[in-house]
Amino acid sequence: MPQFKTTRRVAVPPDIAFTVASDVAAYKEFLPLLEKSVVRGTPIETNNVKSFNAELAVGYAKLNVRETFISKVTCDGNIKTVTATTHDAPFKDMKTVWSIRDFHGQTDVTISIDYSMRSMLLQFAVSAAMDVAVNKVMTAFEARAKSLQTQSKAS
């Protein structure tokens, strides 16, 4: 299965970065190409670990492409990770893990994506665009985290 992993240091506290990563319902508000992000059902929370299903829709209007899939999401506040897995089309398998780590008052945000697509053509296209797409996601993530930090300071 192809893998992609990158880390970015963000000038916000880990709690704010984890809030952004774990607020899946808000992804559509700031992540590029994401047209829909909805939590399905009632999240189950035990010992600071929350699990739920999320429906996500990714679209690229220039190519008239839109894919919707359901992911099983686990947000572990104890170790500050968010893990999403799916076997829905267009994926055979996908596992995405956000890891949030303190680094001397800043935060290292790592995203790791293991994926295989049902279509070889789509696999090739996704693999070719992954670096650019994840860079845009990380830039949007950082902007959202800084915005939340500014809002929390103003409160």
N, C-alpha and C. Protein backbone atom coordinates (compact mmCIF):
# COMPACT_ATOMS: atom_id res chain seq x y z
N MET A 1 0.85 -1.17 0.00
CA MET A 1 0.00 0.00 0.00
C MET A 1 0.90 1.24 0.00
N PRO A 2 0.67 2.21 -0.89
CA PRO A 2 1.46 3.43 -0.89
C PRO A 2 1.28 4.18 0.43
N GLN A 3 2.35 4.86 0.83
CA GLN A 3 2.33 5.63 2.07
C GLN A 3 2.85 7.02 1.81
N PHE A 4 2.31 7.95 2.59
CA PHE A 4 2.79 9.33 2.54
C PHE A 4 2.80 9.85 3.96
N LYS A 5 3.87 10.55 4.32
CA LYS A 5 3.99 11.08 5.67
C LYS A 5 4.75 12.40 5.64
N THR A 6 4.23 13.39 6.37
CA THR A 6 4.92 14.66 6.47
C THR A 6 4.63 15.28 7.83
N THR A 7 5.55 16.11 8.28
CA THR A 7 5.41 16.80 9.57
C THR A 7 5.63 18.29 9.35
N ARG A 8 4.84 19.07 10.05
CA ARG A 8 5.00 20.52 10.01
C ARG A 8 4.99 21.05 11.44
N ARG A 9 5.89 21.95 11.74
CA ARG A 9 5.91 22.61 13.04
C ARG A 9 4.99 23.83 12.96
N VAL A 10 4.06 23.90 13.91
CA VAL A 10 3.03 24.94 13.93
C VAL A 10 3.16 25.72 15.23
N ALA A 11 3.08 27.02 15.14
CA ALA A 11 3.26 27.90 16.31
C ALA A 11 1.96 28.06 17.09
N VAL A 12 1.40 26.93 17.53
CA VAL A 12 0.22 26.92 18.40
C VAL A 12 0.42 25.81 19.42
N PRO A 13 -0.28 25.88 20.55
CA PRO A 13 -0.18 24.81 21.54
C PRO A 13 -0.77 23.50 21.02
N PRO A 14 -0.30 22.35 21.52
CA PRO A 14 -0.82 21.06 21.08
C PRO A 14 -2.33 20.91 21.26
N ASP A 15 -2.90 21.47 22.32
CA ASP A 15 -4.35 21.34 22.53
C ASP A 15 -5.14 21.97 21.40
N ILE A 16 -4.68 23.10 20.90
CA ILE A 16 -5.38 23.76 19.79
C ILE A 16 -5.22 22.93 18.51
N ALA A 17 -4.02 22.43 18.26
CA ALA A 17 -3.80 21.60 17.07
C ALA A 17 -4.67 20.35 17.14
N PHE A 18 -4.78 19.73 18.32
CA PHE A 18 -5.62 18.54 18.45
C PHE A 18 -7.09 18.89 18.25
N THR A 19 -7.51 20.05 18.73
CA THR A 19 -8.89 20.49 18.52
C THR A 19 -9.20 20.58 17.03
N VAL A 20 -8.29 21.13 16.25
CA VAL A 20 -8.49 21.24 14.80
C VAL A 20 -8.54 19.85 14.16
N ALA A 21 -7.60 18.99 14.51
CA ALA A 21 -7.54 17.65 13.90
C ALA A 21 -8.76 16.81 14.26
N SER A 22 -9.28 16.98 15.46
CA SER A 22 -10.39 16.12 15.92
C SER A 22 -11.77 16.67 15.58
N ASP A 23 -11.86 17.90 15.09
CA ASP A 23 -13.14 18.48 14.73
C ASP A 23 -13.48 18.17 13.27
N VAL A 24 -13.74 16.90 13.01
CA VAL A 24 -13.96 16.41 11.65
C VAL A 24 -15.15 17.11 10.99
N ALA A 25 -16.18 17.41 11.76
CA ALA A 25 -17.36 18.08 11.19
C ALA A 25 -17.01 19.45 10.60
N ALA A 26 -15.95 20.08 11.09
CA ALA A 26 -15.56 21.41 10.59
C ALA A 26 -14.56 21.33 9.42
N TYR A 27 -14.11 20.17 9.05
CA TYR A 27 -13.11 20.06 7.97
C TYR A 27 -13.55 20.78 6.70
N LYS A 28 -14.83 20.67 6.35
CA LYS A 28 -15.31 21.28 5.10
C LYS A 28 -15.14 22.79 5.10
N GLU A 29 -15.03 23.38 6.29
CA GLU A 29 -14.89 24.83 6.40
C GLU A 29 -13.49 25.33 6.03
N PHE A 30 -12.49 24.44 6.08
CA PHE A 30 -11.14 24.95 5.85
C PHE A 30 -10.23 24.05 5.01
N LEU A 31 -10.58 22.78 4.82
CA LEU A 31 -9.69 21.92 4.04
C LEU A 31 -10.00 22.00 2.55
N PRO A 32 -8.97 22.17 1.73
CA PRO A 32 -9.19 22.27 0.28
C PRO A 32 -9.75 20.97 -0.28
N LEU A 33 -10.60 21.10 -1.27
CA LEU A 33 -11.23 20.02 -2.01
C LEU A 33 -12.27 19.24 -1.21
N LEU A 34 -12.43 19.54 0.06
CA LEU A 34 -13.42 18.83 0.87
C LEU A 34 -14.73 19.59 0.81
N GLU A 35 -15.75 18.96 0.25
CA GLU A 35 -17.05 19.59 0.08
C GLU A 35 -18.03 19.25 1.18
N LYS A 36 -17.77 18.16 1.90
CA LYS A 36 -18.70 17.72 2.93
C LYS A 36 -17.92 16.99 4.02
N SER A 37 -18.27 17.27 5.27
CA SER A 37 -17.71 16.53 6.41
C SER A 37 -18.77 16.52 7.50
N VAL A 38 -19.36 15.36 7.71
CA VAL A 38 -20.48 15.22 8.63
C VAL A 38 -20.22 14.04 9.57
N VAL A 39 -20.41 14.25 10.85
CA VAL A 39 -20.34 13.15 11.81
C VAL A 39 -21.68 12.43 11.76
N ARG A 40 -21.63 11.12 11.58
CA ARG A 40 -22.84 10.30 11.50
C ARG A 40 -23.06 9.57 12.82
N GLY A 41 -24.27 9.66 13.34
CA GLY A 41 -24.59 8.97 14.59
C GLY A 41 -24.04 9.72 15.79
N THR A 42 -24.14 9.09 16.94
CA THR A 42 -23.68 9.69 18.19
C THR A 42 -22.27 9.19 18.50
N PRO A 43 -21.32 10.10 18.66
CA PRO A 43 -19.96 9.68 19.03
C PRO A 43 -19.98 8.95 20.38
N ILE A 44 -19.11 7.97 20.50
CA ILE A 44 -18.94 7.22 21.74
C ILE A 44 -17.63 7.68 22.36
N GLU A 45 -17.68 8.10 23.63
CA GLU A 45 -16.47 8.58 24.29
C GLU A 45 -16.24 7.85 25.60
N THR A 46 -15.03 7.34 25.76
CA THR A 46 -14.61 6.66 26.97
C THR A 46 -13.15 7.01 27.24
N ASN A 47 -12.87 7.46 28.45
CA ASN A 47 -11.49 7.75 28.87
C ASN A 47 -10.75 8.67 27.90
N ASN A 48 -11.43 9.72 27.46
CA ASN A 48 -10.85 10.74 26.58
C ASN A 48 -10.53 10.20 25.17
N VAL A 49 -11.21 9.12 24.78
CA VAL A 49 -11.09 8.58 23.42
C VAL A 49 -12.49 8.57 22.82
N LYS A 50 -12.64 9.30 21.71
CA LYS A 50 -13.94 9.43 21.06
C LYS A 50 -13.91 8.71 19.72
N SER A 51 -14.96 7.91 19.44
CA SER A 51 -15.08 7.19 18.17
C SER A 51 -16.40 7.54 17.50
N PHE A 52 -16.36 7.66 16.19
CA PHE A 52 -17.56 7.96 15.42
C PHE A 52 -17.31 7.68 13.95
N ASN A 53 -18.40 7.68 13.18
CA ASN A 53 -18.30 7.58 11.73
C ASN A 53 -18.45 8.98 11.15
N ALA A 54 -17.71 9.24 10.08
CA ALA A 54 -17.79 10.53 9.40
C ALA A 54 -18.00 10.30 7.91
N GLU A 55 -18.89 11.08 7.34
CA GLU A 55 -19.10 11.05 5.89
C GLU A 55 -18.35 12.23 5.30
N LEU A 56 -17.48 11.94 4.35
CA LEU A 56 -16.68 12.97 3.71
C LEU A 56 -16.91 12.93 2.21
N ALA A 57 -16.91 14.10 1.60
CA ALA A 57 -17.02 14.20 0.15
C ALA A 57 -15.88 15.07 -0.36
N VAL A 58 -15.09 14.51 -1.26
CA VAL A 58 -13.97 15.21 -1.85
C VAL A 58 -14.34 15.50 -3.30
N GLY A 59 -14.11 16.74 -3.72
CA GLY A 59 -14.46 17.10 -5.09
C GLY A 59 -13.40 17.93 -5.77
N TYR A 60 -13.33 17.78 -7.07
CA TYR A 60 -12.44 18.58 -7.89
C TYR A 60 -13.23 18.99 -9.12
N ALA A 61 -13.77 20.22 -9.07
CA ALA A 61 -14.71 20.69 -10.08
C ALA A 61 -14.10 20.71 -11.49
N LYS A 62 -12.82 21.06 -11.62
CA LYS A 62 -12.19 21.15 -12.94
C LYS A 62 -12.25 19.83 -13.70
N LEU A 63 -12.22 18.71 -12.96
CA LEU A 63 -12.31 17.40 -13.60
C LEU A 63 -13.67 16.75 -13.41
N ASN A 64 -14.60 17.51 -12.83
CA ASN A 64 -15.94 17.01 -12.56
C ASN A 64 -15.90 15.70 -11.77
N VAL A 65 -15.06 15.69 -10.72
CA VAL A 65 -14.88 14.51 -9.87
C VAL A 65 -15.41 14.81 -8.48
N ARG A 66 -16.21 13.88 -7.95
CA ARG A 66 -16.69 13.99 -6.57
C ARG A 66 -16.84 12.59 -6.02
N GLU A 67 -16.20 12.33 -4.91
CA GLU A 67 -16.26 11.01 -4.26
C GLU A 67 -16.71 11.20 -2.82
N THR A 68 -17.65 10.38 -2.38
CA THR A 68 -18.15 10.41 -1.01
C THR A 68 -17.85 9.05 -0.38
N PHE A 69 -17.40 9.09 0.86
CA PHE A 69 -17.08 7.84 1.56
C PHE A 69 -17.28 8.03 3.06
N ILE A 70 -17.39 6.92 3.76
CA ILE A 70 -17.56 6.91 5.22
C ILE A 70 -16.25 6.43 5.84
N SER A 71 -15.79 7.14 6.86
CA SER A 71 -14.60 6.75 7.61
C SER A 71 -14.96 6.47 9.05
N LYS A 72 -14.30 5.50 9.64
CA LYS A 72 -14.36 5.25 11.07
C LYS A 72 -13.25 6.10 11.69
N VAL A 73 -13.62 6.98 12.63
CA VAL A 73 -12.67 7.94 13.20
C VAL A 73 -12.51 7.68 14.69
N THR A 74 -11.27 7.70 15.16
CA THR A 74 -10.97 7.61 16.58
C THR A 74 -10.08 8.78 16.96
N CYS A 75 -10.54 9.58 17.91
CA CYS A 75 -9.79 10.74 18.40
C CYS A 75 -9.33 10.41 19.81
N ASP A 76 -8.03 10.23 19.99
CA ASP A 76 -7.48 9.87 21.29
C ASP A 76 -6.83 11.10 21.91
N GLY A 77 -7.56 11.72 22.85
CA GLY A 77 -7.06 12.92 23.51
C GLY A 77 -5.90 12.65 24.45
N ASN A 78 -5.70 11.41 24.84
CA ASN A 78 -4.60 11.06 25.75
C ASN A 78 -3.25 11.15 25.05
N ILE A 79 -3.20 10.70 23.80
CA ILE A 79 -1.94 10.73 23.04
C ILE A 79 -2.01 11.69 21.86
N LYS A 80 -3.10 12.42 21.78
CA LYS A 80 -3.32 13.44 20.74
C LYS A 80 -3.11 12.89 19.32
N THR A 81 -3.93 11.87 19.00
CA THR A 81 -3.94 11.34 17.64
C THR A 81 -5.38 11.28 17.14
N VAL A 82 -5.54 11.42 15.84
CA VAL A 82 -6.82 11.22 15.18
C VAL A 82 -6.56 10.23 14.05
N THR A 83 -7.28 9.10 14.11
CA THR A 83 -7.09 8.04 13.12
C THR A 83 -8.40 7.82 12.38
N ALA A 84 -8.31 7.81 11.05
CA ALA A 84 -9.49 7.56 10.21
C ALA A 84 -9.17 6.41 9.27
N THR A 85 -10.11 5.47 9.18
CA THR A 85 -9.94 4.34 8.27
C THR A 85 -11.19 4.17 7.43
N THR A 86 -11.00 3.71 6.20
CA THR A 86 -12.13 3.42 5.32
C THR A 86 -11.76 2.31 4.34
N HIS A 87 -12.80 1.64 3.89
CA HIS A 87 -12.68 0.65 2.81
C HIS A 87 -13.69 0.99 1.72
N ASP A 88 -14.36 2.14 1.85
CA ASP A 88 -15.34 2.59 0.86
C ASP A 88 -14.65 3.04 -0.42
N ALA A 89 -15.35 2.88 -1.53
CA ALA A 89 -14.86 3.40 -2.81
C ALA A 89 -14.72 4.91 -2.67
N PRO A 90 -13.71 5.49 -3.25
CA PRO A 90 -12.82 4.94 -4.26
C PRO A 90 -11.62 4.16 -3.69
N PHE A 91 -11.58 3.99 -2.38
CA PHE A 91 -10.45 3.31 -1.75
C PHE A 91 -10.67 1.81 -1.65
N LYS A 92 -9.59 1.05 -1.74
CA LYS A 92 -9.60 -0.33 -1.28
C LYS A 92 -9.42 -0.26 0.24
N ASP A 93 -8.40 0.49 0.61
CA ASP A 93 -8.07 0.71 2.02
C ASP A 93 -7.45 2.10 2.15
N MET A 94 -7.76 2.74 3.27
CA MET A 94 -7.09 4.00 3.59
C MET A 94 -7.04 4.15 5.10
N LYS A 95 -5.89 4.55 5.58
CA LYS A 95 -5.71 4.87 6.99
C LYS A 95 -4.95 6.19 7.05
N THR A 96 -5.57 7.17 7.70
CA THR A 96 -4.94 8.47 7.90
C THR A 96 -4.77 8.68 9.39
N VAL A 97 -3.58 9.10 9.80
CA VAL A 97 -3.32 9.36 11.21
C VAL A 97 -2.73 10.76 11.35
N TRP A 98 -3.40 11.59 12.14
CA TRP A 98 -2.87 12.88 12.56
C TRP A 98 -2.22 12.66 13.93
N SER A 99 -0.97 13.05 14.10
CA SER A 99 -0.29 12.95 15.39
C SER A 99 0.16 14.35 15.80
N ILE A 100 -0.17 14.70 17.02
CA ILE A 100 0.12 16.04 17.54
C ILE A 100 1.14 15.88 18.68
N ARG A 101 2.29 16.55 18.57
CA ARG A 101 3.34 16.43 19.58
C ARG A 101 3.86 17.81 19.98
N ASP A 102 4.01 18.01 21.28
CA ASP A 102 4.58 19.25 21.80
C ASP A 102 6.05 19.34 21.41
N PHE A 103 6.46 20.54 21.03
CA PHE A 103 7.87 20.78 20.73
C PHE A 103 8.23 22.17 21.24
N HIS A 104 8.62 22.25 22.51
CA HIS A 104 9.09 23.49 23.12
C HIS A 104 8.15 24.68 22.88
N GLY A 105 6.88 24.49 23.21
CA GLY A 105 5.91 25.58 23.08
C GLY A 105 5.27 25.68 21.71
N GLN A 106 5.75 24.91 20.78
CA GLN A 106 5.11 24.82 19.48
C GLN A 106 4.61 23.39 19.32
N THR A 107 4.14 23.05 18.15
CA THR A 107 3.57 21.72 17.96
C THR A 107 4.04 21.13 16.64
N ASP A 108 4.48 19.88 16.70
CA ASP A 108 4.75 19.13 15.49
C ASP A 108 3.47 18.39 15.10
N VAL A 109 2.97 18.68 13.92
CA VAL A 109 1.77 18.04 13.40
C VAL A 109 2.22 17.10 12.27
N THR A 110 1.96 15.82 12.46
CA THR A 110 2.33 14.82 11.46
C THR A 110 1.06 14.22 10.89
N ILE A 111 1.03 14.11 9.56
CA ILE A 111 -0.05 13.37 8.92
C ILE A 111 0.60 12.21 8.16
N SER A 112 0.05 11.04 8.40
CA SER A 112 0.51 9.83 7.76
C SER A 112 -0.68 9.20 7.04
N ILE A 113 -0.51 8.91 5.76
CA ILE A 113 -1.60 8.37 4.95
C ILE A 113 -1.12 7.10 4.26
N ASP A 114 -1.77 5.99 4.56
CA ASP A 114 -1.55 4.72 3.86
C ASP A 114 -2.81 4.48 3.04
N TYR A 115 -2.67 4.27 1.74
CA TYR A 115 -3.86 4.18 0.89
C TYR A 115 -3.63 3.28 -0.31
N SER A 116 -4.70 2.67 -0.73
CA SER A 116 -4.72 2.02 -2.05
C SER A 116 -6.11 2.27 -2.64
N MET A 117 -6.10 2.60 -3.90
CA MET A 117 -7.33 2.94 -4.61
C MET A 117 -7.84 1.71 -5.36
N ARG A 118 -9.14 1.69 -5.63
CA ARG A 118 -9.73 0.58 -6.39
C ARG A 118 -9.33 0.65 -7.87
N SER A 119 -9.13 1.85 -8.36
CA SER A 119 -8.76 2.06 -9.77
C SER A 119 -7.26 2.35 -9.86
N MET A 120 -6.56 1.63 -10.74
CA MET A 120 -5.13 1.88 -10.94
C MET A 120 -4.88 3.28 -11.51
N LEU A 121 -5.78 3.74 -12.37
CA LEU A 121 -5.65 5.08 -12.92
C LEU A 121 -5.76 6.12 -11.82
N LEU A 122 -6.75 5.95 -10.95
CA LEU A 122 -6.91 6.87 -9.83
C LEU A 122 -5.73 6.75 -8.87
N GLN A 123 -5.22 5.56 -8.65
CA GLN A 123 -4.04 5.35 -7.80
C GLN A 123 -2.87 6.17 -8.32
N PHE A 124 -2.65 6.10 -9.63
CA PHE A 124 -1.57 6.85 -10.25
C PHE A 124 -1.77 8.35 -10.08
N ALA A 125 -2.99 8.82 -10.33
CA ALA A 125 -3.29 10.26 -10.22
C ALA A 125 -3.13 10.75 -8.79
N VAL A 126 -3.65 9.98 -7.83
CA VAL A 126 -3.55 10.38 -6.42
C VAL A 126 -2.09 10.40 -5.98
N SER A 127 -1.34 9.38 -6.35
CA SER A 127 0.08 9.32 -5.97
C SER A 127 0.85 10.50 -6.54
N ALA A 128 0.55 10.88 -7.76
CA ALA A 128 1.25 11.99 -8.40
C ALA A 128 0.93 13.33 -7.74
N ALA A 129 -0.27 13.46 -7.21
CA ALA A 129 -0.69 14.74 -6.63
C ALA A 129 -0.58 14.79 -5.10
N MET A 130 -0.20 13.69 -4.46
CA MET A 130 -0.25 13.61 -3.00
C MET A 130 0.59 14.69 -2.31
N ASP A 131 1.80 14.91 -2.75
CA ASP A 131 2.67 15.89 -2.10
C ASP A 131 2.05 17.29 -2.13
N VAL A 132 1.56 17.70 -3.27
CA VAL A 132 0.94 19.03 -3.41
C VAL A 132 -0.34 19.11 -2.59
N ALA A 133 -1.16 18.08 -2.65
CA ALA A 133 -2.43 18.08 -1.92
C ALA A 133 -2.21 18.13 -0.41
N VAL A 134 -1.29 17.32 0.10
CA VAL A 134 -1.05 17.31 1.55
C VAL A 134 -0.42 18.62 2.00
N ASN A 135 0.42 19.23 1.18
CA ASN A 135 0.98 20.53 1.52
C ASN A 135 -0.14 21.57 1.67
N LYS A 136 -1.13 21.52 0.78
CA LYS A 136 -2.28 22.44 0.89
C LYS A 136 -3.10 22.14 2.14
N VAL A 137 -3.27 20.88 2.46
CA VAL A 137 -3.99 20.50 3.68
C VAL A 137 -3.26 21.01 4.92
N MET A 138 -1.95 20.84 4.95
CA MET A 138 -1.17 21.29 6.12
C MET A 138 -1.19 22.81 6.24
N THR A 139 -1.15 23.52 5.13
CA THR A 139 -1.23 24.98 5.16
C THR A 139 -2.58 25.42 5.70
N ALA A 140 -3.65 24.78 5.25
CA ALA A 140 -4.99 25.10 5.72
C ALA A 140 -5.14 24.74 7.20
N PHE A 141 -4.58 23.61 7.61
CA PHE A 141 -4.61 23.19 9.01
C PHE A 141 -3.94 24.24 9.89
N GLU A 142 -2.76 24.69 9.49
CA GLU A 142 -2.02 25.68 10.26
C GLU A 142 -2.80 26.99 10.36
N ALA A 143 -3.39 27.44 9.26
CA ALA A 143 -4.17 28.68 9.28
C ALA A 143 -5.37 28.54 10.22
N ARG A 144 -6.03 27.39 10.19
CA ARG A 144 -7.18 27.17 11.08
C ARG A 144 -6.73 27.17 12.54
N ALA A 145 -5.63 26.51 12.84
CA ALA A 145 -5.13 26.45 14.22
C ALA A 145 -4.75 27.85 14.73
N LYS A 146 -4.10 28.62 13.89
CA LYS A 146 -3.74 29.99 14.31
C LYS A 146 -4.98 30.85 14.51
N SER A 147 -5.99 30.66 13.68
CA SER A 147 -7.24 31.39 13.83
C SER A 147 -7.92 31.03 15.15
N LEU A 148 -7.97 29.74 15.48
CA LEU A 148 -8.55 29.32 16.76
C LEU A 148 -7.76 29.86 17.94
N GLN A 149 -6.44 29.89 17.80
CA GLN A 149 -5.61 30.43 18.87
C GLN A 149 -5.91 31.91 19.08
N THR A 150 -6.05 32.67 18.01
CA THR A 150 -6.38 34.09 18.10
C THR A 150 -7.74 34.28 18.74
N GLN A 151 -8.72 33.45 18.35
CA GLN A 151 -10.06 33.53 18.94
C GLN A 151 -10.03 33.22 20.44
N SER A 152 -9.24 32.22 20.84
CA SER A 152 -9.21 31.85 22.26
C SER A 152 -8.51 32.92 23.09
N LYS A 153 -7.54 33.62 22.52
CA LYS A 153 -6.88 34.72 23.23
C LYS A 153 -7.82 35.91 23.39
N ALA A 154 -8.70 36.12 22.40
CA ALA A 154 -9.63 37.24 22.44
C ALA A 154 -10.77 37.00 23.43
N SER A 155 -11.04 35.75 23.75
CA SER A 155 -12.16 35.42 24.66
C SER A 155 -11.85 35.71 26.10
